[in-house]
Amino acid sequence: MDTSTPMGSMIFTVMAALARMELEIERERITDSVAPRRATGKDLGGRRPTFTDSQIRKTFRRTASSGRAGRPQHP
């Protein structure tokens, strides 16, 4: 597309306006779906925790009982 011509510039402007409109519509849809979920305390998705709380506590207990807590690991 040659944007140095009036016709090319107009097409570029129209395409940019359409892209912006699509982005705003998508944001509106996301906002409209998140607000009611937050209000009812439902899950919003996102990344799940890698470890459960019980796994973390268990690891701390094992580390503390082995006497290696807080010590750097050197080969």
PDB file of N, CA and C in Angstrom:
ATOM      1  N   MET A   1       0.846  -1.162   0.000  1.00  0.00           N
ATOM      2  CA  MET A   1       0.000   0.000   0.000  1.00  0.00           C
ATOM      3  C   MET A   1       0.898   1.234   0.000  1.00  0.00           C
ATOM      4  N   ASP A   2       0.619   2.101  -0.902  1.00  0.00           N
ATOM      5  CA  ASP A   2       1.403   3.325  -1.042  1.00  0.00           C
ATOM      6  C   ASP A   2       0.700   4.451  -0.282  1.00  0.00           C
ATOM      7  N   THR A   3       1.227   4.807   0.872  1.00  0.00           N
ATOM      8  CA  THR A   3       0.583   5.832   1.706  1.00  0.00           C
ATOM      9  C   THR A   3       0.978   7.247   1.289  1.00  0.00           C
ATOM     10  N   SER A   4       1.789   7.365   0.250  1.00  0.00           N
ATOM     11  CA  SER A   4       2.146   8.711  -0.209  1.00  0.00           C
ATOM     12  C   SER A   4       1.068   9.279  -1.127  1.00  0.00           C
ATOM     13  N   THR A   5       0.145   8.446  -1.580  1.00  0.00           N
ATOM     14  CA  THR A   5      -0.959   8.923  -2.418  1.00  0.00           C
ATOM     15  C   THR A   5      -2.177   9.182  -1.532  1.00  0.00           C
ATOM     16  N   PRO A   6      -3.077  10.042  -1.969  1.00  0.00           N
ATOM     17  CA  PRO A   6      -4.285  10.305  -1.174  1.00  0.00           C
ATOM     18  C   PRO A   6      -5.127   9.049  -0.953  1.00  0.00           C
ATOM     19  N   MET A   7      -5.261   8.217  -1.989  1.00  0.00           N
ATOM     20  CA  MET A   7      -6.069   7.007  -1.869  1.00  0.00           C
ATOM     21  C   MET A   7      -5.419   6.019  -0.893  1.00  0.00           C
ATOM     22  N   GLY A   8      -4.115   5.845  -0.962  1.00  0.00           N
ATOM     23  CA  GLY A   8      -3.411   4.952  -0.050  1.00  0.00           C
ATOM     24  C   GLY A   8      -3.499   5.432   1.384  1.00  0.00           C
ATOM     25  N   SER A   9      -3.380   6.737   1.562  1.00  0.00           N
ATOM     26  CA  SER A   9      -3.490   7.313   2.902  1.00  0.00           C
ATOM     27  C   SER A   9      -4.885   7.106   3.471  1.00  0.00           C
ATOM     28  N   MET A  10      -5.911   7.265   2.640  1.00  0.00           N
ATOM     29  CA  MET A  10      -7.279   7.079   3.105  1.00  0.00           C
ATOM     30  C   MET A  10      -7.515   5.617   3.498  1.00  0.00           C
ATOM     31  N   ILE A  11      -7.053   4.680   2.689  1.00  0.00           N
ATOM     32  CA  ILE A  11      -7.243   3.256   2.991  1.00  0.00           C
ATOM     33  C   ILE A  11      -6.533   2.898   4.293  1.00  0.00           C
ATOM     34  N   PHE A  12      -5.321   3.412   4.467  1.00  0.00           N
ATOM     35  CA  PHE A  12      -4.576   3.152   5.696  1.00  0.00           C
ATOM     36  C   PHE A  12      -5.326   3.705   6.904  1.00  0.00           C
ATOM     37  N   THR A  13      -5.876   4.905   6.787  1.00  0.00           N
ATOM     38  CA  THR A  13      -6.614   5.530   7.878  1.00  0.00           C
ATOM     39  C   THR A  13      -7.864   4.739   8.227  1.00  0.00           C
ATOM     40  N   VAL A  14      -8.582   4.276   7.194  1.00  0.00           N
ATOM     41  CA  VAL A  14      -9.793   3.485   7.431  1.00  0.00           C
ATOM     42  C   VAL A  14      -9.442   2.168   8.115  1.00  0.00           C
ATOM     43  N   MET A  15      -8.396   1.506   7.655  1.00  0.00           N
ATOM     44  CA  MET A  15      -7.985   0.228   8.263  1.00  0.00           C
ATOM     45  C   MET A  15      -7.559   0.431   9.723  1.00  0.00           C
ATOM     46  N   ALA A  16      -6.859   1.524   9.998  1.00  0.00           N
ATOM     47  CA  ALA A  16      -6.448   1.816  11.374  1.00  0.00           C
ATOM     48  C   ALA A  16      -7.661   2.084  12.252  1.00  0.00           C
ATOM     49  N   ALA A  17      -8.648   2.783  11.713  1.00  0.00           N
ATOM     50  CA  ALA A  17      -9.864   3.071  12.480  1.00  0.00           C
ATOM     51  C   ALA A  17     -10.622   1.781  12.787  1.00  0.00           C
ATOM     52  N   LEU A  18     -10.691   0.864  11.814  1.00  0.00           N
ATOM     53  CA  LEU A  18     -11.363  -0.419  12.038  1.00  0.00           C
ATOM     54  C   LEU A  18     -10.633  -1.255  13.087  1.00  0.00           C
ATOM     55  N   ALA A  19      -9.313  -1.247  13.020  1.00  0.00           N
ATOM     56  CA  ALA A  19      -8.534  -2.003  14.007  1.00  0.00           C
ATOM     57  C   ALA A  19      -8.754  -1.450  15.400  1.00  0.00           C
ATOM     58  N   ARG A  20      -8.785  -0.146  15.529  1.00  0.00           N
ATOM     59  CA  ARG A  20      -9.013   0.475  16.839  1.00  0.00           C
ATOM     60  C   ARG A  20     -10.413   0.157  17.363  1.00  0.00           C
ATOM     61  N   MET A  21     -11.399   0.174  16.470  1.00  0.00           N
ATOM     62  CA  MET A  21     -12.764  -0.141  16.868  1.00  0.00           C
ATOM     63  C   MET A  21     -12.854  -1.576  17.378  1.00  0.00           C
ATOM     64  N   GLU A  22     -12.206  -2.510  16.682  1.00  0.00           N
ATOM     65  CA  GLU A  22     -12.203  -3.913  17.115  1.00  0.00           C
ATOM     66  C   GLU A  22     -11.563  -4.048  18.492  1.00  0.00           C
ATOM     67  N   LEU A  23     -10.474  -3.344  18.713  1.00  0.00           N
ATOM     68  CA  LEU A  23      -9.799  -3.391  20.008  1.00  0.00           C
ATOM     69  C   LEU A  23     -10.707  -2.864  21.116  1.00  0.00           C
ATOM     70  N   GLU A  24     -11.385  -1.770  20.859  1.00  0.00           N
ATOM     71  CA  GLU A  24     -12.277  -1.202  21.868  1.00  0.00           C
ATOM     72  C   GLU A  24     -13.473  -2.107  22.142  1.00  0.00           C
ATOM     73  N   ILE A  25     -13.987  -2.753  21.115  1.00  0.00           N
ATOM     74  CA  ILE A  25     -15.099  -3.700  21.311  1.00  0.00           C
ATOM     75  C   ILE A  25     -14.642  -4.879  22.165  1.00  0.00           C
ATOM     76  N   GLU A  26     -13.438  -5.382  21.900  1.00  0.00           N
ATOM     77  CA  GLU A  26     -12.913  -6.499  22.685  1.00  0.00           C
ATOM     78  C   GLU A  26     -12.719  -6.095  24.145  1.00  0.00           C
ATOM     79  N   ARG A  27     -12.185  -4.916  24.386  1.00  0.00           N
ATOM     80  CA  ARG A  27     -12.008  -4.437  25.761  1.00  0.00           C
ATOM     81  C   ARG A  27     -13.342  -4.314  26.480  1.00  0.00           C
ATOM     82  N   GLU A  28     -14.346  -3.822  25.757  1.00  0.00           N
ATOM     83  CA  GLU A  28     -15.676  -3.670  26.342  1.00  0.00           C
ATOM     84  C   GLU A  28     -16.259  -5.029  26.716  1.00  0.00           C
ATOM     85  N   ARG A  29     -16.085  -6.010  25.860  1.00  0.00           N
ATOM     86  CA  ARG A  29     -16.586  -7.356  26.156  1.00  0.00           C
ATOM     87  C   ARG A  29     -15.905  -7.934  27.383  1.00  0.00           C
ATOM     88  N   ILE A  30     -14.599  -7.746  27.479  1.00  0.00           N
ATOM     89  CA  ILE A  30     -13.854  -8.270  28.619  1.00  0.00           C
ATOM     90  C   ILE A  30     -14.316  -7.587  29.905  1.00  0.00           C
ATOM     91  N   THR A  31     -14.437  -6.270  29.865  1.00  0.00           N
ATOM     92  CA  THR A  31     -14.892  -5.523  31.043  1.00  0.00           C
ATOM     93  C   THR A  31     -16.289  -5.954  31.459  1.00  0.00           C
ATOM     94  N   ASP A  32     -17.160  -6.143  30.477  1.00  0.00           N
ATOM     95  CA  ASP A  32     -18.534  -6.556  30.774  1.00  0.00           C
ATOM     96  C   ASP A  32     -18.600  -7.953  31.386  1.00  0.00           C
ATOM     97  N   SER A  33     -17.659  -8.820  31.072  1.00  0.00           N
ATOM     98  CA  SER A  33     -17.689 -10.174  31.638  1.00  0.00           C
ATOM     99  C   SER A  33     -16.969 -10.253  32.983  1.00  0.00           C
ATOM    100  N   VAL A  34     -15.976  -9.393  33.204  1.00  0.00           N
ATOM    101  CA  VAL A  34     -15.201  -9.449  34.443  1.00  0.00           C
ATOM    102  C   VAL A  34     -15.967  -8.826  35.610  1.00  0.00           C
ATOM    103  N   ALA A  35     -16.663  -7.736  35.390  1.00  0.00           N
ATOM    104  CA  ALA A  35     -17.357  -7.035  36.479  1.00  0.00           C
ATOM    105  C   ALA A  35     -18.340  -7.938  37.226  1.00  0.00           C
ATOM    106  N   PRO A  36     -19.240  -8.654  36.537  1.00  0.00           N
ATOM    107  CA  PRO A  36     -20.154  -9.517  37.278  1.00  0.00           C
ATOM    108  C   PRO A  36     -19.442 -10.684  37.976  1.00  0.00           C
ATOM    109  N   ARG A  37     -18.366 -11.185  37.360  1.00  0.00           N
ATOM    110  CA  ARG A  37     -17.621 -12.281  37.994  1.00  0.00           C
ATOM    111  C   ARG A  37     -16.960 -11.808  39.284  1.00  0.00           C
ATOM    112  N   ARG A  38     -16.398 -10.621  39.262  1.00  0.00           N
ATOM    113  CA  ARG A  38     -15.778 -10.071  40.476  1.00  0.00           C
ATOM    114  C   ARG A  38     -16.825  -9.849  41.554  1.00  0.00           C
ATOM    115  N   ALA A  39     -17.983  -9.343  41.172  1.00  0.00           N
ATOM    116  CA  ALA A  39     -19.042  -9.041  42.132  1.00  0.00           C
ATOM    117  C   ALA A  39     -19.541 -10.300  42.834  1.00  0.00           C
ATOM    118  N   THR A  40     -19.557 -11.428  42.110  1.00  0.00           N
ATOM    119  CA  THR A  40     -20.036 -12.677  42.707  1.00  0.00           C
ATOM    120  C   THR A  40     -18.900 -13.519  43.280  1.00  0.00           C
ATOM    121  N   GLY A  41     -17.655 -13.054  43.120  1.00  0.00           N
ATOM    122  CA  GLY A  41     -16.512 -13.781  43.678  1.00  0.00           C
ATOM    123  C   GLY A  41     -16.111 -14.996  42.876  1.00  0.00           C
ATOM    124  N   LYS A  42     -16.467 -15.046  41.608  1.00  0.00           N
ATOM    125  CA  LYS A  42     -16.113 -16.192  40.770  1.00  0.00           C
ATOM    126  C   LYS A  42     -14.694 -16.067  40.251  1.00  0.00           C
ATOM    127  N   ASP A  43     -14.195 -17.178  39.741  1.00  0.00           N
ATOM    128  CA  ASP A  43     -12.846 -17.253  39.204  1.00  0.00           C
ATOM    129  C   ASP A  43     -12.729 -16.384  37.956  1.00  0.00           C
ATOM    130  N   LEU A  44     -11.641 -15.625  37.861  1.00  0.00           N
ATOM    131  CA  LEU A  44     -11.405 -14.782  36.702  1.00  0.00           C
ATOM    132  C   LEU A  44     -10.451 -15.432  35.712  1.00  0.00           C
ATOM    133  N   GLY A  45     -10.045 -16.643  35.996  1.00  0.00           N
ATOM    134  CA  GLY A  45      -9.088 -17.302  35.109  1.00  0.00           C
ATOM    135  C   GLY A  45      -7.677 -16.910  35.499  1.00  0.00           C
ATOM    136  N   GLY A  46      -6.804 -16.891  34.547  1.00  0.00           N
ATOM    137  CA  GLY A  46      -5.420 -16.532  34.815  1.00  0.00           C
ATOM    138  C   GLY A  46      -4.588 -17.750  35.140  1.00  0.00           C
ATOM    139  N   ARG A  47      -3.364 -17.509  35.487  1.00  0.00           N
ATOM    140  CA  ARG A  47      -2.422 -18.581  35.759  1.00  0.00           C
ATOM    141  C   ARG A  47      -2.730 -19.232  37.094  1.00  0.00           C
ATOM    142  N   ARG A  48      -2.752 -20.523  37.105  1.00  0.00           N
ATOM    143  CA  ARG A  48      -3.005 -21.273  38.324  1.00  0.00           C
ATOM    144  C   ARG A  48      -1.727 -21.342  39.163  1.00  0.00           C
ATOM    145  N   PRO A  49      -1.873 -21.442  40.481  1.00  0.00           N
ATOM    146  CA  PRO A  49      -0.679 -21.583  41.327  1.00  0.00           C
ATOM    147  C   PRO A  49       0.069 -22.874  40.968  1.00  0.00           C
ATOM    148  N   THR A  50       1.381 -22.786  40.951  1.00  0.00           N
ATOM    149  CA  THR A  50       2.188 -23.953  40.621  1.00  0.00           C
ATOM    150  C   THR A  50       2.166 -24.960  41.755  1.00  0.00           C
ATOM    151  N   PHE A  51       2.232 -24.476  42.978  1.00  0.00           N
ATOM    152  CA  PHE A  51       2.235 -25.341  44.152  1.00  0.00           C
ATOM    153  C   PHE A  51       1.046 -25.000  45.040  1.00  0.00           C
ATOM    154  N   THR A  52       0.522 -26.012  45.696  1.00  0.00           N
ATOM    155  CA  THR A  52      -0.562 -25.773  46.649  1.00  0.00           C
ATOM    156  C   THR A  52       0.035 -25.312  47.976  1.00  0.00           C
ATOM    157  N   ASP A  53      -0.799 -24.746  48.832  1.00  0.00           N
ATOM    158  CA  ASP A  53      -0.323 -24.305  50.149  1.00  0.00           C
ATOM    159  C   ASP A  53       0.216 -25.478  50.956  1.00  0.00           C
ATOM    160  N   SER A  54      -0.430 -26.640  50.861  1.00  0.00           N
ATOM    161  CA  SER A  54       0.036 -27.795  51.625  1.00  0.00           C
ATOM    162  C   SER A  54       1.400 -28.273  51.114  1.00  0.00           C
ATOM    163  N   GLN A  55       1.649 -28.192  49.814  1.00  0.00           N
ATOM    164  CA  GLN A  55       2.953 -28.583  49.285  1.00  0.00           C
ATOM    165  C   GLN A  55       4.042 -27.639  49.786  1.00  0.00           C
ATOM    166  N   ILE A  56       3.745 -26.357  49.863  1.00  0.00           N
ATOM    167  CA  ILE A  56       4.728 -25.376  50.340  1.00  0.00           C
ATOM    168  C   ILE A  56       5.030 -25.610  51.820  1.00  0.00           C
ATOM    169  N   ARG A  57       3.984 -25.815  52.643  1.00  0.00           N
ATOM    170  CA  ARG A  57       4.201 -26.083  54.074  1.00  0.00           C
ATOM    171  C   ARG A  57       5.022 -27.351  54.277  1.00  0.00           C
ATOM    172  N   LYS A  58       4.707 -28.389  53.513  1.00  0.00           N
ATOM    173  CA  LYS A  58       5.421 -29.663  53.622  1.00  0.00           C
ATOM    174  C   LYS A  58       6.906 -29.479  53.300  1.00  0.00           C
ATOM    175  N   THR A  59       7.204 -28.690  52.280  1.00  0.00           N
ATOM    176  CA  THR A  59       8.598 -28.439  51.904  1.00  0.00           C
ATOM    177  C   THR A  59       9.327 -27.668  52.991  1.00  0.00           C
ATOM    178  N   PHE A  60       8.672 -26.649  53.572  1.00  0.00           N
ATOM    179  CA  PHE A  60       9.297 -25.905  54.667  1.00  0.00           C
ATOM    180  C   PHE A  60       9.589 -26.811  55.849  1.00  0.00           C
ATOM    181  N   ARG A  61       8.637 -27.690  56.184  1.00  0.00           N
ATOM    182  CA  ARG A  61       8.850 -28.613  57.309  1.00  0.00           C
ATOM    183  C   ARG A  61      10.030 -29.542  57.032  1.00  0.00           C
ATOM    184  N   ARG A  62      10.098 -30.088  55.829  1.00  0.00           N
ATOM    185  CA  ARG A  62      11.213 -30.996  55.487  1.00  0.00           C
ATOM    186  C   ARG A  62      12.552 -30.271  55.534  1.00  0.00           C
ATOM    187  N   THR A  63      12.565 -29.034  55.023  1.00  0.00           N
ATOM    188  CA  THR A  63      13.817 -28.265  55.019  1.00  0.00           C
ATOM    189  C   THR A  63      14.255 -27.952  56.444  1.00  0.00           C
ATOM    190  N   ALA A  64      13.307 -27.556  57.284  1.00  0.00           N
ATOM    191  CA  ALA A  64      13.634 -27.210  58.666  1.00  0.00           C
ATOM    192  C   ALA A  64      14.099 -28.440  59.433  1.00  0.00           C
ATOM    193  N   SER A  65      13.497 -29.598  59.197  1.00  0.00           N
ATOM    194  CA  SER A  65      13.865 -30.803  59.939  1.00  0.00           C
ATOM    195  C   SER A  65      15.199 -31.383  59.474  1.00  0.00           C
ATOM    196  N   SER A  66      15.626 -31.060  58.259  1.00  0.00           N
ATOM    197  CA  SER A  66      16.903 -31.594  57.775  1.00  0.00           C
ATOM    198  C   SER A  66      18.082 -30.760  58.251  1.00  0.00           C
ATOM    199  N   GLY A  67      17.815 -29.596  58.834  1.00  0.00           N
ATOM    200  CA  GLY A  67      18.887 -28.748  59.347  1.00  0.00           C
ATOM    201  C   GLY A  67      19.547 -27.933  58.265  1.00  0.00           C
ATOM    202  N   ARG A  68      18.991 -27.911  57.091  1.00  0.00           N
ATOM    203  CA  ARG A  68      19.602 -27.185  55.977  1.00  0.00           C
ATOM    204  C   ARG A  68      18.911 -25.862  55.718  1.00  0.00           C
ATOM    205  N   ALA A  69      18.020 -25.455  56.592  1.00  0.00           N
ATOM    206  CA  ALA A  69      17.279 -24.218  56.367  1.00  0.00           C
ATOM    207  C   ALA A  69      18.205 -23.021  56.391  1.00  0.00           C
ATOM    208  N   GLY A  70      18.134 -22.196  55.372  1.00  0.00           N
ATOM    209  CA  GLY A  70      18.905 -20.957  55.343  1.00  0.00           C
ATOM    210  C   GLY A  70      20.344 -21.113  54.960  1.00  0.00           C
ATOM    211  N   ARG A  71      20.807 -22.319  54.762  1.00  0.00           N
ATOM    212  CA  ARG A  71      22.209 -22.511  54.378  1.00  0.00           C
ATOM    213  C   ARG A  71      22.339 -22.587  52.858  1.00  0.00           C
ATOM    214  N   PRO A  72      23.367 -21.951  52.302  1.00  0.00           N
ATOM    215  CA  PRO A  72      23.550 -22.015  50.850  1.00  0.00           C
ATOM    216  C   PRO A  72      23.968 -23.438  50.435  1.00  0.00           C
ATOM    217  N   GLN A  73      23.574 -23.831  49.287  1.00  0.00           N
ATOM    218  CA  GLN A  73      23.898 -25.156  48.764  1.00  0.00           C
ATOM    219  C   GLN A  73      25.186 -25.051  47.957  1.00  0.00           C
ATOM    220  N   HIS A  74      26.251 -25.695  48.424  1.00  0.00           N
ATOM    221  CA  HIS A  74      27.525 -25.719  47.702  1.00  0.00           C
ATOM    222  C   HIS A  74      27.856 -27.151  47.344  1.00  0.00           C
ATOM    223  N   PRO A  75      28.266 -27.378  46.110  1.00  0.00           N
ATOM    224  CA  PRO A  75      28.633 -28.749  45.725  1.00  0.00           C
ATOM    225  C   PRO A  75      29.875 -29.274  46.382  1.00  0.00           C
TER     226      PRO A  75
END
